Protein backbone atom coordinates (compact mmCIF):
# COMPACT_ATOMS: atom_id res chain seq x y z
CA MET A 1 -11.14 51.05 -6.62
CA LYS A 2 -10.25 51.34 -10.28
CA LYS A 3 -7.66 48.86 -11.52
CA ASN A 4 -4.57 50.31 -13.30
CA LYS A 5 -3.94 47.11 -15.18
CA ARG A 6 -5.83 44.42 -16.81
CA GLN A 7 -5.90 41.48 -14.63
CA ILE A 8 -5.47 38.25 -16.63
CA GLY A 9 -5.72 34.72 -15.22
CA ILE A 10 -3.56 32.00 -16.83
CA LEU A 11 -4.86 28.43 -16.86
CA GLY A 12 -2.49 25.93 -18.45
CA GLY A 13 -3.23 22.22 -18.99
CA SER A 14 -3.38 19.29 -21.45
CA PHE A 15 -7.11 19.78 -21.55
CA ASP A 16 -7.33 16.23 -22.86
CA PRO A 17 -10.19 16.86 -22.82
CA ILE A 18 -11.43 20.01 -21.38
CA HIS A 19 -14.24 19.06 -18.81
CA MET A 20 -16.75 20.97 -16.63
CA GLY A 21 -13.99 20.89 -13.76
CA HIS A 22 -11.88 23.17 -15.81
CA ILE A 23 -14.82 25.33 -16.62
CA GLY A 24 -15.93 25.65 -13.00
CA LEU A 25 -12.58 26.52 -11.84
CA ALA A 26 -12.10 29.28 -14.27
CA GLU A 27 -15.61 30.64 -13.70
CA GLU A 28 -15.11 30.74 -9.98
CA THR A 29 -11.75 32.19 -10.07
CA HIS A 30 -12.73 34.85 -12.70
CA ASP A 31 -15.55 35.97 -10.39
CA LYS A 32 -13.85 35.70 -6.98
CA PHE A 33 -10.79 37.73 -8.02
CA ASP A 34 -12.59 40.13 -10.55
CA LEU A 35 -10.29 39.12 -13.43
CA ASP A 36 -10.69 40.80 -16.73
CA GLN A 37 -9.90 37.62 -18.80
CA ILE A 38 -8.81 33.97 -18.43
CA LEU A 39 -6.51 32.66 -21.01
CA PHE A 40 -6.54 28.87 -21.44
CA ILE A 41 -3.12 27.48 -22.51
CA PRO A 42 -3.15 24.09 -23.66
CA VAL A 43 0.46 22.53 -23.29
CA PHE A 44 2.32 20.56 -26.02
CA GLN A 45 4.05 18.45 -23.53
CA SER A 46 4.14 18.82 -19.73
CA PRO A 47 7.56 18.61 -18.05
CA HIS A 48 5.33 17.04 -14.97
CA LYS A 49 3.87 14.24 -17.01
CA ALA A 50 5.51 11.22 -18.67
CA SER A 51 3.46 10.89 -21.58
CA SER A 52 2.13 13.39 -24.27
CA PRO A 53 -1.70 14.14 -24.59
CA LEU A 54 -3.65 11.35 -26.25
CA ALA A 55 -5.69 13.75 -28.41
CA SER A 56 -4.02 15.80 -31.24
CA THR A 57 -3.22 19.32 -30.74
CA SER A 58 -5.80 20.32 -33.37
CA ASP A 59 -8.43 18.12 -31.54
CA ARG A 60 -7.66 19.72 -28.18
CA MET A 61 -7.83 23.33 -29.75
CA GLU A 62 -10.95 22.78 -31.27
CA MET A 63 -12.58 21.31 -28.08
CA LEU A 64 -11.42 24.20 -26.08
CA ARG A 65 -13.09 26.41 -28.92
CA LEU A 66 -16.33 24.57 -28.51
CA ALA A 67 -16.22 24.76 -24.74
CA LEU A 68 -15.46 28.64 -24.61
CA LYS A 69 -17.01 30.05 -27.45
CA ASN A 70 -20.00 31.56 -25.40
CA ASN A 71 -17.84 33.28 -22.74
CA ALA A 72 -16.38 36.50 -23.70
CA SER A 73 -14.03 36.52 -20.78
CA PHE A 74 -12.44 33.30 -21.82
CA SER A 75 -9.71 33.09 -24.63
CA ILE A 76 -7.25 30.35 -25.98
CA CYS A 77 -3.64 31.00 -26.35
CA ASP A 78 -1.39 28.63 -28.33
CA VAL A 79 1.89 29.94 -27.37
CA GLU A 80 2.92 26.52 -25.92
CA THR A 81 1.48 24.17 -28.70
CA CYS A 82 3.11 26.30 -31.23
CA ARG A 83 6.71 25.92 -29.66
CA ASN A 84 6.44 22.23 -30.14
CA GLU A 85 8.46 21.27 -27.22
CA LEU A 86 8.37 20.86 -23.62
CA SER A 87 6.29 23.57 -22.02
CA TYR A 88 7.60 25.51 -18.94
CA THR A 89 5.34 27.82 -17.14
CA ILE A 90 8.22 30.38 -16.77
CA ASP A 91 8.60 30.69 -20.54
CA THR A 92 4.90 31.13 -21.17
CA LEU A 93 4.62 33.82 -18.33
CA ASN A 94 7.80 35.70 -19.62
CA HIS A 95 6.37 35.62 -23.30
CA LEU A 96 2.84 37.05 -22.12
CA GLU A 97 4.43 39.76 -20.00
CA ARG A 98 6.20 41.03 -23.19
CA GLU A 99 3.14 40.50 -25.35
CA ILE A 100 0.54 42.17 -23.02
CA PRO A 101 2.68 44.55 -20.85
CA ASP A 102 -0.03 46.56 -19.45
CA SER A 103 -1.36 43.71 -17.43
CA GLU A 104 -1.02 41.76 -14.22
CA LEU A 105 -0.81 38.02 -14.69
CA PHE A 106 -2.39 35.71 -12.24
CA LEU A 107 -1.27 31.97 -12.56
CA ILE A 108 -3.98 29.68 -11.69
CA ILE A 109 -3.13 26.28 -10.22
CA GLY A 110 -4.78 23.55 -8.15
CA GLN A 111 -3.83 22.87 -4.66
CA ASP A 112 -2.06 19.76 -5.79
CA ASN A 113 0.48 21.88 -7.68
CA LEU A 114 1.33 23.92 -4.76
CA GLN A 115 2.91 20.79 -3.16
CA SER A 116 5.56 20.86 -5.91
CA LEU A 117 5.66 24.38 -6.89
CA ASP A 118 9.20 24.93 -5.72
CA SER A 119 10.50 22.40 -7.95
CA TRP A 120 9.27 23.96 -11.16
CA LYS A 121 11.61 25.64 -13.53
CA ASP A 122 12.70 29.12 -12.32
CA SER A 123 10.12 28.72 -9.56
CA ARG A 124 11.51 31.63 -7.56
CA ARG A 125 11.08 34.02 -10.50
CA ILE A 126 7.52 32.73 -10.99
CA MET A 127 6.70 33.73 -7.54
CA GLU A 128 8.73 37.11 -7.35
CA ARG A 129 7.10 38.31 -10.63
CA TYR A 130 3.75 36.89 -10.81
CA HIS A 131 0.52 36.33 -8.69
CA ILE A 132 -0.51 32.71 -8.00
CA LEU A 133 -4.10 31.57 -7.33
CA VAL A 134 -4.29 28.23 -5.77
CA ALA A 135 -7.70 26.63 -5.92
CA SER A 136 -8.74 23.79 -3.40
CA ARG A 137 -9.31 20.35 -4.90
CA PRO A 138 -11.31 17.51 -3.57
CA GLY A 139 -9.52 14.09 -2.69
CA LEU A 140 -6.41 15.48 -1.64
CA LYS A 141 -4.92 14.80 1.66
CA SER A 142 -5.48 17.72 3.90
CA PHE A 143 -2.45 19.75 4.95
CA SER A 144 -1.59 23.00 6.61
CA GLN A 145 -1.77 25.61 3.78
CA GLU A 146 0.45 28.02 5.73
CA GLU A 147 2.75 25.30 6.72
CA LYS A 148 3.13 24.28 3.14
CA VAL A 149 3.87 27.96 1.89
CA SER A 150 6.23 28.65 4.77
CA SER A 151 8.22 25.27 4.10
CA LEU A 152 8.68 26.24 0.46
CA PHE A 153 12.34 25.66 -0.72
CA ASN A 154 13.15 23.71 2.54
CA GLY A 155 11.95 26.55 4.62
CA ASP A 156 13.39 29.55 2.77
CA SER A 157 10.15 30.50 1.77
CA PRO A 158 9.70 33.91 -0.22
CA TYR A 159 6.32 34.59 1.19
CA ARG A 160 5.06 36.25 4.57
CA PRO A 161 1.49 35.77 5.57
CA GLY A 162 -1.09 38.28 4.47
CA LYS A 163 -5.01 38.48 4.91
CA THR A 164 -7.23 35.79 5.84
CA GLY A 165 -10.97 35.43 5.30
CA ASN A 166 -13.93 34.85 3.01
CA GLY A 167 -12.55 31.39 2.09
CA LYS A 168 -9.27 32.90 1.16
CA GLN A 169 -5.69 32.78 2.68
CA GLU A 170 -3.22 35.33 1.29
CA PHE A 171 0.54 35.19 1.22
CA LEU A 172 2.86 38.17 0.09
CA HIS A 173 6.18 37.99 -1.57
CA ARG A 174 8.67 39.57 0.82
CA LYS A 175 10.43 41.54 -2.02
CA THR A 176 7.81 42.46 -4.50
CA GLU A 177 4.29 41.92 -2.75
CA SER A 178 3.25 39.57 -5.40
CA ARG A 179 0.34 37.54 -3.91
CA LEU A 180 -0.09 33.78 -3.57
CA VAL A 181 -3.76 33.18 -2.52
CA ILE A 182 -5.20 29.97 -1.45
CA HIS A 183 -8.91 29.87 -2.02
CA GLN A 184 -11.92 27.44 -1.85
CA ILE A 185 -13.71 26.61 -4.82
CA SER A 186 -16.97 24.16 -5.34
CA PRO A 187 -15.87 20.52 -5.17
CA ARG A 188 -15.73 18.78 -8.50
CA ASP A 189 -14.07 15.65 -8.59
CA ILE A 190 -13.69 15.35 -12.23
CA SER A 191 -10.30 14.16 -14.14
CA SER A 192 -9.78 14.01 -17.80
CA SER A 193 -8.11 10.56 -17.48
CA ALA A 194 -11.21 9.27 -15.75
CA ILE A 195 -13.27 10.70 -18.67
CA ARG A 196 -11.02 8.94 -21.22
CA LYS A 197 -11.28 5.66 -19.38
CA LYS A 198 -15.05 5.77 -19.61
CA ILE A 199 -14.93 6.37 -23.18
CA VAL A 200 -12.53 3.65 -23.93
CA HIS A 201 -14.99 1.25 -22.07
CA GLY A 202 -17.96 2.49 -24.15
CA GLU A 203 -19.56 4.72 -21.61
CA ILE A 204 -20.58 8.38 -22.15
CA PRO A 205 -19.35 10.60 -19.69
CA LYS A 206 -22.80 12.49 -19.02
CA ASN A 207 -22.55 15.90 -17.14
CA LEU A 208 -18.86 15.95 -17.19
CA LEU A 209 -18.10 17.48 -20.36
CA PRO A 210 -19.57 20.55 -22.10
CA PRO A 211 -22.27 19.09 -24.53
CA GLU A 212 -20.50 20.34 -27.59
CA VAL A 213 -17.37 18.75 -26.64
CA GLU A 214 -19.07 15.48 -25.88
CA ALA A 215 -20.77 15.53 -29.19
CA TYR A 216 -17.23 16.35 -31.00
CA ILE A 217 -15.47 13.31 -28.98
CA ILE A 218 -18.21 10.95 -30.19
CA ARG A 219 -18.40 12.24 -33.95
CA HIS A 220 -14.66 12.02 -34.29
CA GLN A 221 -14.29 8.76 -32.03
CA ILE A 222 -11.34 10.39 -30.04
CA TYR A 223 -10.01 8.22 -27.41
CA LYS A 224 -12.12 5.31 -28.51
CA THR A 225 -9.14 3.09 -29.45
CA LYS A 226 -6.58 4.76 -27.04
CA THR A 227 -5.51 3.23 -23.69
């Protein structure tokens, strides 16, 4: 079936630094949902984290550029870093909806984010207007996905169950039919904080970073003296 609108995935994060877990998540989500493009959106300051990214905005943007340069389906969007303030997902999605109106936006998040999704700023509006793709993540305590979605907003969930199968569990917004889909991805237990700790202790985090990003970090001694 021909798609009427471009389908664009939105992947936000500190990317401090971007690593193979981010790349793998983007690649699998892109292929599984037949997305036309994925926008990587580095935050200026996440409202869900107490501290700012350790690497500078310019370094994080350059590492993203190096990591994504050979994939035509991946792009970088600087809308949040240009705001120079707390980055709220709803503001970014609203901005992108205005900038690229002939598109459907798919917010890409990890399973850990699902557990606090209803506490996000204007979370009801996010669920009503935009699709949400929830990727499984290793190392998290198992929980019933359907139970979690149905318990959003203390049981006043905007979703009803949809299709299940092929490693996907779909939920549909009761008012707009926007989709929330929980799907399985290959396990990659990689975190930016663990990578930074290795670098601080003089270790080279082999196979965790794109080679160009690893070389950039070593050349510019990023994270070397930061704790």
